[in-house]
Amino acid sequence: MYNIILAFITAFLLTYRVIPAIVSIAKKKKLYDEPNHRKSHEEVVPRLGGIGIFAGLLFSIILWTPFNFLGDLQYILSAFIIIFLIGAKDDIDPVIPIKKAGAQFVAALILVFKANVIITDFHGILGIHEIPFLYSVLFSLFVIIAIINAFNLIDGVNGLAGSVALLTSIILGFWFYKIDRIELAIVAFSTAGSIIAFLKYNFSPASIFMGDTGSLLLGLVSAILAIKFIDINASLINSSYHISSGTVFVIAIMILPIFDTIRIMILRILNGKSPFHPDKKHLHHLLLDLGLSHMQVTMVLTGVNILFVLIAYYFRNLDINLLLLIIIGLLLILTGILNFIHKRKQNRK
C-alpha cells in the first residue's frame, strides 16, 4: 500500500514541478499549438504537457515498483517509450499518419506478445466466449490501437482526455490494489498522480496542452489497464472482487472516448468522407456550440461518463448482453437529445 501511495505522490510532485519548466521552454522555442478552424482554442498554447506526464509516471513506476515485480513491467515500459517518442516528435515536428500508426502498431505488438496484454475471451458478448489465438492477437492489436487513438480524438477541450484517463486509472488502480496486483496498481496511480498535476495547468485558462505525447500515452495506459482487468477479472470467478459483466463494466469506464470515436467515424462514412477526415462534430464540439465553456463541457461529459460507470456496476449481475444493450440504448438517447438541441439552436441562427 505504501508503495502505491508514494508512487502517486512522487508522480504528482515531479509532474507538478516539471510542467512550468516545459511551458517556459515551449514559449522560448515557440512550440505552440496554433489555433485553426478545427480547434476550439483562440490563442497559441504550448503543447508539450505530455512530456511532464510521461516523466512523472515513468520515474514513479521505476522507483516504487518492488524489484520482484519490475521485471514484469519491462515490456510495458518499452511500449510507453515508443509512444512517448512518436508523440513528442509529432508535437515538435508533425509526422505523417502512417509513421504514427506504425509506432502504435509496434507498441501494441510488444504488449500482446511480450506483456501478455491480450483479449482471449469475449465472456459471452454476442454469445462469443474463447476465440482462436490468431483472432485474439488481431483483435487485441486493434483494440489497443483504437483506444490509443480514441483518447487522442477526445483531446479537444481543456481537461477532458485527462479527466477520463484519471477516472480509468483510479477505478482500475483501486481494483488492482484490492486483488494484490501491486505492479498494475502502481502503474495506475502513478498515471493518476501525473494527470492531477497536469490538470492544474490544463484547466481553463490552459497554460499548456498535453499534445499527442500525452493523449497517446494516456490512451495506451488505459488500454493496458482495461485489457488486464478483463483477463484477471475472469480468473477471479470465485473471488469477492470478481465483477460480473466485467467486460461491459470496463467499456463503461471508457465509454466517452469509445462511443465518440465510433460515432464520429460512422458519421463521416455516411457523409461520404474518410473516417479519419478531421471535423468539428465530436460531442465536445456540439456542447461548445451550445455555449458551454471548456470546463463546463469537461464537467458534463465526465459526469455522464461517471453515470455510465455507476449504471454498469449497479446492474452488473444482469445478463452481459442485456447490460450492453442498456448502455448502448442510453447512449443513443442522450446523443439524440443533444443533436436535437444542437440542431434547434443552429436553425435559430
Protein backbone atom coordinates (compact mmCIF):
# COMPACT_ATOMS: atom_id res chain seq x y z
CA MET A 1 0.00 0.00 0.00
CA TYR A 2 2.80 2.43 0.91
CA ASN A 3 4.48 1.88 -2.47
CA ILE A 4 1.25 2.82 -4.24
CA ILE A 5 0.77 5.99 -2.19
CA LEU A 6 4.40 7.01 -2.65
CA ALA A 7 4.18 6.36 -6.40
CA PHE A 8 1.11 8.61 -6.61
CA ILE A 9 2.75 11.40 -4.59
CA THR A 10 6.04 11.16 -6.48
CA ALA A 11 4.34 11.28 -9.88
CA PHE A 12 2.24 14.25 -8.79
CA LEU A 13 5.17 16.24 -7.41
CA LEU A 14 7.52 15.55 -10.32
CA THR A 15 4.94 16.44 -12.97
CA TYR A 16 3.82 19.47 -10.98
CA ARG A 17 7.38 20.80 -10.84
CA VAL A 18 8.32 19.90 -14.42
CA ILE A 19 5.35 21.45 -16.23
CA PRO A 20 6.32 25.12 -15.59
CA ALA A 21 9.80 24.45 -17.00
CA ILE A 22 8.25 22.82 -20.06
CA VAL A 23 5.94 25.82 -20.54
CA SER A 24 8.93 28.16 -20.36
CA ILE A 25 10.97 26.15 -22.88
CA ALA A 26 8.00 25.79 -25.24
CA LYS A 27 7.47 29.54 -25.24
CA LYS A 28 11.15 30.24 -25.90
CA LYS A 29 11.23 27.75 -28.78
CA LYS A 30 7.76 28.77 -29.99
CA LEU A 31 6.44 25.19 -29.72
CA TYR A 32 2.80 26.20 -29.75
CA ASP A 33 -0.50 24.61 -30.68
CA GLU A 34 -1.71 27.11 -33.26
CA PRO A 35 -5.47 27.82 -33.39
CA ASN A 36 -7.28 26.95 -36.62
CA HIS A 37 -10.81 26.22 -37.90
CA ARG A 38 -10.76 22.69 -36.41
CA LYS A 39 -9.62 23.67 -32.94
CA SER A 40 -11.60 25.18 -30.10
CA HIS A 41 -8.95 27.50 -28.66
CA GLU A 42 -8.26 31.00 -29.97
CA GLU A 43 -4.75 31.68 -28.64
CA VAL A 44 -1.39 29.95 -29.05
CA VAL A 45 -0.74 27.49 -26.21
CA PRO A 46 2.35 25.29 -25.54
CA ARG A 47 1.57 21.66 -26.35
CA LEU A 48 4.25 19.58 -24.62
CA GLY A 49 2.44 18.74 -21.38
CA GLY A 50 2.61 15.05 -22.19
CA ILE A 51 6.36 15.17 -21.52
CA GLY A 52 5.63 16.10 -17.91
CA ILE A 53 3.05 13.31 -17.59
CA PHE A 54 5.50 10.79 -19.04
CA ALA A 55 8.32 11.90 -16.75
CA GLY A 56 6.17 11.66 -13.64
CA LEU A 57 4.64 8.26 -14.27
CA LEU A 58 7.80 6.60 -15.65
CA PHE A 59 10.00 7.78 -12.77
CA SER A 60 7.43 6.72 -10.16
CA ILE A 61 6.90 3.28 -11.67
CA ILE A 62 10.63 2.55 -11.78
CA LEU A 63 11.28 4.00 -8.31
CA TRP A 64 8.45 2.41 -6.34
CA THR A 65 7.64 -0.91 -8.05
CA PRO A 66 9.07 -3.75 -5.89
CA PHE A 67 12.05 -5.35 -7.60
CA ASN A 68 10.37 -8.76 -7.92
CA PHE A 69 7.55 -7.13 -9.91
CA LEU A 70 9.58 -4.73 -12.02
CA GLY A 71 10.71 -7.40 -14.49
CA ASP A 72 7.07 -7.97 -15.48
CA LEU A 73 6.76 -4.29 -16.37
CA GLN A 74 9.78 -4.00 -18.68
CA TYR A 75 7.71 -4.63 -21.79
CA ILE A 76 5.01 -2.19 -20.75
CA LEU A 77 7.65 0.47 -20.12
CA SER A 78 9.15 -0.27 -23.55
CA ALA A 79 5.76 0.37 -25.15
CA PHE A 80 5.48 3.61 -23.14
CA ILE A 81 8.80 4.83 -24.54
CA ILE A 82 7.82 4.10 -28.16
CA ILE A 83 4.56 6.02 -27.81
CA PHE A 84 6.31 8.86 -25.98
CA LEU A 85 8.92 9.24 -28.72
CA ILE A 86 6.43 9.31 -31.60
CA GLY A 87 4.12 11.64 -29.67
CA ALA A 88 6.91 14.07 -28.77
CA LYS A 89 8.20 14.04 -32.35
CA ASP A 90 4.70 14.81 -33.63
CA ASP A 91 4.23 17.67 -31.15
CA ILE A 92 7.55 19.26 -32.10
CA ASP A 93 7.69 18.41 -35.81
CA PRO A 94 4.49 16.75 -37.15
CA VAL A 95 4.93 13.26 -38.60
CA ILE A 96 2.83 11.67 -41.32
CA PRO A 97 -0.07 9.48 -40.07
CA ILE A 98 1.45 6.24 -41.39
CA LYS A 99 4.55 6.69 -39.20
CA LYS A 100 2.42 7.44 -36.15
CA ALA A 101 0.29 4.36 -36.84
CA GLY A 102 3.45 2.29 -37.32
CA ALA A 103 4.78 3.28 -33.89
CA GLN A 104 1.45 2.43 -32.29
CA PHE A 105 1.46 -0.95 -34.02
CA VAL A 106 4.95 -1.75 -32.74
CA ALA A 107 3.96 -0.75 -29.19
CA ALA A 108 0.84 -2.91 -29.45
CA LEU A 109 2.88 -5.87 -30.71
CA ILE A 110 5.18 -5.63 -27.70
CA LEU A 111 2.21 -5.55 -25.34
CA VAL A 112 0.44 -8.50 -26.96
CA PHE A 113 3.41 -10.82 -27.43
CA LYS A 114 5.69 -9.83 -24.55
CA ALA A 115 3.49 -8.29 -21.83
CA ASN A 116 0.54 -10.65 -22.39
CA VAL A 117 -1.87 -7.75 -22.81
CA ILE A 118 -4.28 -9.80 -24.91
CA ILE A 119 -8.00 -10.45 -25.18
CA THR A 120 -8.63 -14.20 -25.41
CA ASP A 121 -12.31 -14.33 -24.48
CA PHE A 122 -15.42 -12.20 -25.12
CA HIS A 123 -17.04 -13.65 -21.97
CA GLY A 124 -20.43 -14.07 -23.58
CA ILE A 125 -20.78 -10.80 -25.51
CA LEU A 126 -22.82 -11.64 -28.62
CA GLY A 127 -22.68 -15.24 -27.44
CA ILE A 128 -18.92 -15.42 -28.04
CA HIS A 129 -16.55 -16.83 -25.47
CA GLU A 130 -12.99 -18.04 -26.11
CA ILE A 131 -11.58 -17.05 -29.50
CA PRO A 132 -8.80 -18.66 -31.59
CA PHE A 133 -5.27 -17.37 -30.99
CA LEU A 134 -4.89 -15.62 -34.35
CA TYR A 135 -8.18 -13.74 -33.97
CA SER A 136 -7.25 -12.98 -30.38
CA VAL A 137 -3.99 -11.36 -31.47
CA LEU A 138 -5.58 -9.37 -34.29
CA PHE A 139 -8.46 -8.18 -32.14
CA SER A 140 -6.15 -7.21 -29.27
CA LEU A 141 -3.92 -5.20 -31.62
CA PHE A 142 -6.99 -3.44 -32.98
CA VAL A 143 -8.38 -2.65 -29.51
CA ILE A 144 -5.09 -1.26 -28.20
CA ILE A 145 -4.58 0.99 -31.22
CA ALA A 146 -8.24 2.03 -31.23
CA ILE A 147 -8.17 3.08 -27.56
CA ILE A 148 -4.90 4.98 -28.04
CA ASN A 149 -6.47 7.00 -30.86
CA ALA A 150 -9.82 7.38 -29.10
CA PHE A 151 -8.13 9.33 -26.32
CA ASN A 152 -6.28 11.37 -28.93
CA LEU A 153 -9.57 12.26 -30.61
CA ILE A 154 -11.37 13.46 -27.46
CA ASP A 155 -8.46 15.72 -26.54
CA GLY A 156 -10.27 18.72 -27.96
CA VAL A 157 -11.20 20.72 -24.86
CA ASN A 158 -9.27 21.52 -21.73
CA GLY A 159 -9.18 18.72 -19.19
CA LEU A 160 -11.36 16.19 -21.00
CA ALA A 161 -8.89 13.48 -22.04
CA GLY A 162 -7.06 13.85 -18.74
CA SER A 163 -10.28 13.56 -16.72
CA VAL A 164 -11.39 10.37 -18.47
CA ALA A 165 -7.91 8.84 -18.13
CA LEU A 166 -7.91 9.85 -14.45
CA LEU A 167 -11.26 8.14 -13.94
CA THR A 168 -9.95 4.99 -15.63
CA SER A 169 -6.72 4.97 -13.62
CA ILE A 170 -8.33 5.48 -10.23
CA ILE A 171 -11.12 2.92 -10.64
CA LEU A 172 -8.96 0.17 -12.12
CA GLY A 173 -5.98 1.08 -9.94
CA PHE A 174 -8.05 0.62 -6.78
CA TRP A 175 -9.32 -2.74 -8.06
CA PHE A 176 -5.78 -3.92 -8.85
CA TYR A 177 -4.73 -2.88 -5.34
CA LYS A 178 -7.59 -4.88 -3.77
CA ILE A 179 -6.57 -8.05 -5.64
CA ASP A 180 -2.90 -7.50 -4.75
CA ARG A 181 -1.62 -6.79 -8.26
CA ILE A 182 0.73 -4.13 -6.91
CA GLU A 183 2.63 -3.54 -10.15
CA LEU A 184 -0.53 -2.66 -12.07
CA ALA A 185 -1.84 -0.56 -9.20
CA ILE A 186 1.41 1.41 -9.22
CA VAL A 187 1.11 1.98 -12.98
CA ALA A 188 -2.47 3.21 -12.48
CA PHE A 189 -1.81 5.52 -9.53
CA SER A 190 1.42 6.88 -10.98
CA THR A 191 -0.62 7.83 -14.03
CA ALA A 192 -3.32 9.36 -11.81
CA GLY A 193 -0.78 11.44 -9.89
CA SER A 194 0.75 12.80 -13.07
CA ILE A 195 -2.65 13.60 -14.56
CA ILE A 196 -3.85 15.52 -11.49
CA ALA A 197 -0.68 17.62 -11.53
CA PHE A 198 -1.05 18.27 -15.27
CA LEU A 199 -4.74 19.21 -14.97
CA LYS A 200 -3.82 22.07 -12.65
CA TYR A 201 -2.13 23.70 -15.66
CA ASN A 202 -4.62 22.44 -18.25
CA PHE A 203 -7.90 23.64 -16.77
CA SER A 204 -9.10 26.90 -18.31
CA PRO A 205 -7.40 29.15 -18.95
CA ALA A 206 -4.95 26.46 -20.02
CA SER A 207 -1.26 27.32 -19.82
CA ILE A 208 -0.31 24.08 -21.60
CA PHE A 209 -1.89 21.24 -23.63
CA MET A 210 -0.89 17.59 -23.28
CA GLY A 211 -0.39 17.25 -27.05
CA ASP A 212 -0.14 13.91 -28.80
CA THR A 213 2.57 12.89 -26.34
CA GLY A 214 0.06 12.98 -23.51
CA SER A 215 -3.12 11.80 -25.22
CA LEU A 216 -1.44 8.83 -26.94
CA LEU A 217 0.31 7.82 -23.71
CA LEU A 218 -2.87 8.05 -21.63
CA GLY A 219 -4.71 6.04 -24.26
CA LEU A 220 -2.00 3.38 -24.10
CA VAL A 221 -2.10 3.18 -20.28
CA SER A 222 -5.91 2.96 -20.34
CA ALA A 223 -5.82 0.16 -22.92
CA ILE A 224 -3.32 -1.82 -20.83
CA LEU A 225 -5.29 -1.43 -17.60
CA ALA A 226 -8.58 -2.29 -19.31
CA ILE A 227 -7.35 -5.45 -21.03
CA LYS A 228 -5.50 -6.67 -17.95
CA PHE A 229 -8.66 -6.06 -15.91
CA ILE A 230 -10.75 -8.17 -18.30
CA ASP A 231 -8.22 -11.01 -18.23
CA ILE A 232 -7.62 -11.05 -14.46
CA ASN A 233 -11.25 -10.46 -13.52
CA ALA A 234 -12.27 -13.58 -15.47
CA SER A 235 -9.82 -15.67 -13.42
CA LEU A 236 -11.34 -14.48 -10.12
CA ILE A 237 -14.75 -16.03 -10.67
CA ASN A 238 -14.94 -17.28 -7.07
CA SER A 239 -13.45 -14.16 -5.51
CA SER A 240 -15.38 -11.42 -3.75
CA TYR A 241 -13.57 -8.97 -6.03
CA HIS A 242 -14.90 -10.55 -9.21
CA ILE A 243 -17.12 -8.12 -11.13
CA SER A 244 -19.87 -9.75 -13.15
CA SER A 245 -20.19 -8.43 -16.71
CA GLY A 246 -16.65 -7.12 -16.27
CA THR A 247 -16.17 -6.52 -19.99
CA VAL A 248 -19.16 -4.16 -20.12
CA PHE A 249 -18.04 -2.54 -16.87
CA VAL A 250 -14.64 -1.64 -18.33
CA ILE A 251 -16.29 -0.42 -21.54
CA ALA A 252 -18.45 1.86 -19.38
CA ILE A 253 -15.33 3.29 -17.71
CA MET A 254 -14.05 4.47 -21.11
CA ILE A 255 -17.44 4.90 -22.73
CA LEU A 256 -16.87 8.52 -23.78
CA PRO A 257 -13.77 8.04 -25.99
CA ILE A 258 -15.04 4.66 -27.28
CA PHE A 259 -18.52 5.87 -28.22
CA ASP A 260 -17.48 9.26 -29.59
CA THR A 261 -14.83 7.67 -31.82
CA ILE A 262 -17.25 5.09 -33.24
CA ARG A 263 -19.96 7.73 -33.64
CA ILE A 264 -17.77 10.26 -35.44
CA MET A 265 -16.34 7.69 -37.84
CA ILE A 266 -19.82 6.40 -38.76
CA LEU A 267 -20.99 9.97 -39.41
CA ARG A 268 -18.01 10.65 -41.66
CA ILE A 269 -18.58 7.47 -43.67
CA LEU A 270 -22.30 8.27 -44.04
CA ASN A 271 -21.32 11.72 -45.34
CA GLY A 272 -19.06 10.12 -47.93
CA LYS A 273 -15.81 11.14 -46.24
CA SER A 274 -12.87 9.22 -44.89
CA PRO A 275 -13.42 8.05 -41.28
CA PHE A 276 -10.16 9.84 -40.48
CA HIS A 277 -11.22 13.16 -42.04
CA PRO A 278 -10.94 15.87 -39.33
CA ASP A 279 -14.05 17.88 -38.48
CA LYS A 280 -15.83 19.57 -35.56
CA LYS A 281 -18.65 17.10 -34.91
CA HIS A 282 -17.36 15.47 -31.74
CA LEU A 283 -19.61 15.57 -28.69
CA HIS A 284 -17.44 18.24 -27.09
CA HIS A 285 -17.80 20.40 -30.21
CA LEU A 286 -21.59 20.13 -30.06
CA LEU A 287 -21.58 21.23 -26.42
CA LEU A 288 -19.23 24.12 -27.19
CA ASP A 289 -21.63 25.21 -29.94
CA LEU A 290 -24.38 25.34 -27.32
CA GLY A 291 -22.41 28.00 -25.47
CA LEU A 292 -20.75 25.89 -22.77
CA SER A 293 -17.21 26.75 -21.71
CA HIS A 294 -14.35 24.27 -21.89
CA MET A 295 -14.65 23.49 -18.18
CA GLN A 296 -18.41 23.08 -18.39
CA VAL A 297 -18.04 20.67 -21.33
CA THR A 298 -15.44 18.65 -19.43
CA MET A 299 -17.64 18.54 -16.32
CA VAL A 300 -20.74 17.49 -18.26
CA LEU A 301 -19.03 14.75 -20.29
CA THR A 302 -17.01 13.43 -17.35
CA GLY A 303 -20.18 13.42 -15.25
CA VAL A 304 -22.02 11.43 -17.91
CA ASN A 305 -19.09 9.01 -18.08
CA ILE A 306 -19.27 8.50 -14.30
CA LEU A 307 -23.02 7.93 -14.57
CA PHE A 308 -22.45 5.07 -17.02
CA VAL A 309 -19.85 3.54 -14.71
CA LEU A 310 -22.37 3.59 -11.86
CA ILE A 311 -25.07 2.07 -14.09
CA ALA A 312 -22.74 -0.69 -15.29
CA TYR A 313 -21.66 -1.51 -11.75
CA TYR A 314 -25.14 -1.40 -10.22
CA PHE A 315 -26.60 -3.66 -12.92
CA ARG A 316 -23.50 -5.87 -13.23
CA ASN A 317 -25.45 -9.01 -12.37
CA LEU A 318 -27.71 -8.64 -15.40
CA ASP A 319 -27.06 -10.72 -18.49
CA ILE A 320 -23.97 -9.23 -20.11
CA ASN A 321 -25.69 -8.64 -23.47
CA LEU A 322 -28.73 -7.05 -21.84
CA LEU A 323 -26.47 -4.70 -19.88
CA LEU A 324 -24.56 -3.81 -23.05
CA LEU A 325 -27.88 -3.12 -24.80
CA ILE A 326 -28.98 -0.84 -21.96
CA ILE A 327 -25.69 1.09 -22.13
CA ILE A 328 -25.94 1.50 -25.91
CA GLY A 329 -29.62 2.47 -25.71
CA LEU A 330 -28.95 5.19 -23.12
CA LEU A 331 -26.04 6.48 -25.19
CA LEU A 332 -28.19 6.78 -28.29
CA ILE A 333 -30.99 8.51 -26.38
CA LEU A 334 -28.66 11.07 -24.79
CA THR A 335 -26.86 11.68 -28.08
CA GLY A 336 -30.20 12.07 -29.87
CA ILE A 337 -31.29 14.69 -27.33
CA LEU A 338 -28.01 16.57 -27.73
CA ASN A 339 -28.29 16.51 -31.54
CA PHE A 340 -31.88 17.74 -31.34
CA ILE A 341 -30.94 20.67 -29.10
CA HIS A 342 -27.91 21.47 -31.26
CA LYS A 343 -29.94 21.49 -34.50
CA ARG A 344 -32.62 23.71 -32.96
CA LYS A 345 -30.02 26.24 -31.93
CA GLN A 346 -28.34 26.12 -35.36
CA ASN A 347 -31.69 26.68 -37.09
CA ARG A 348 -32.37 29.75 -34.96
CA LYS A 349 -29.18 31.44 -36.14
